């Protein structure tokens, strides 16, 4: 992780966010998705580097707003500060969400830091670990009965990169968690309105153009079901089926779940995250970092030992996703989703969590 960070602190996706912030400050926030301006600032920050089709700032405006205070530091220093924030978010998420006590909890942190998708995420300056913290915090708030706060925190996290937990609100809605989803929808609506206000019609058209370009790139669908089924209608149908299965599992849970409050909430959040990763239409290797929350929550439902061991299979598949291709990871996620939706896994009492 440290070698690419220290070798070239601008060779990462955070530089693209920084470019968006610079455009907003110097040319107006309606211009942050202007491709000519992004190209111009990219050339200033990284002279001689080819501005290819992956060098675009396409995250929603709230990510640029969040990183705005780092702009005076300069691109390199801002990236180092963002790296520190990401690592702090990972540790905070572990503290709030990891199961077990003592050495068992420490092993979860060591494993998280050592997992290649997490290292890859940190080196690229992506917001996945900040979103991880938001998801874990939302699940804890929901378990504590603070449902409106849970929905608001979840919305603030998802506003940075929605595709990392896109199925989660659907799963919560299917389960009848109206207050969580209502608060989530209200905050998302406010952020969307502010985004539209700052972008205007021209900025929105620029954004839609960049999103259409990104969706057509094979690299952006490499870690999705499109790898197996192709980029056409069949893969979209399969992805829709995953979402439907997750919603049905949430709507009609085993009877035991209704009596196990905390475990029921953990199960819903885990289903939402795994269904997102398995049924997404846009995904990269670093995005698998969000599955740390799913692993911790899955463990807390106290499934049988052989089901717990499946997390190791998922971890290995993610660790070797580049040399093994995405196929093992997709298979591992498919099985994991089955384990989450199977009634038998919820028959035992949930384990406690230390925080």
Foldseek 3Di string as FASTA:
>chain_A
DVVLCVVDVCPALVVQLLLLLVCCVPPFNLCSLPPVSLVVVCCVVPPPDDCDLVSGPQWFPLLSVVLNVLNVVPRSVSLVVLLVVLLVLQVLLLQQFFFDDDPNSVVLSVLLVPQVLQVVCSSRSACLSVLLSLLSVLLVCVLVVVQLVSLQSNLSSCSRPVLQQVLLLLLCVLLVSVNSNVSNVVNNVVSVVVRCVRNDPSSVVSSVVSVVSQLPDCQFQQLACCVVVNLDDVLLVVLVVLSVLSSVLSNDPAPLLVVQRSLVSLLSSLLSNLSSSHSPSTDDLSSCSSCSSSLSSLVQLPFDPVLNCLVVQLSVCSRCCVVVGNVSNNVSSVVNSVCSSDRRRNPDHGHDGHD
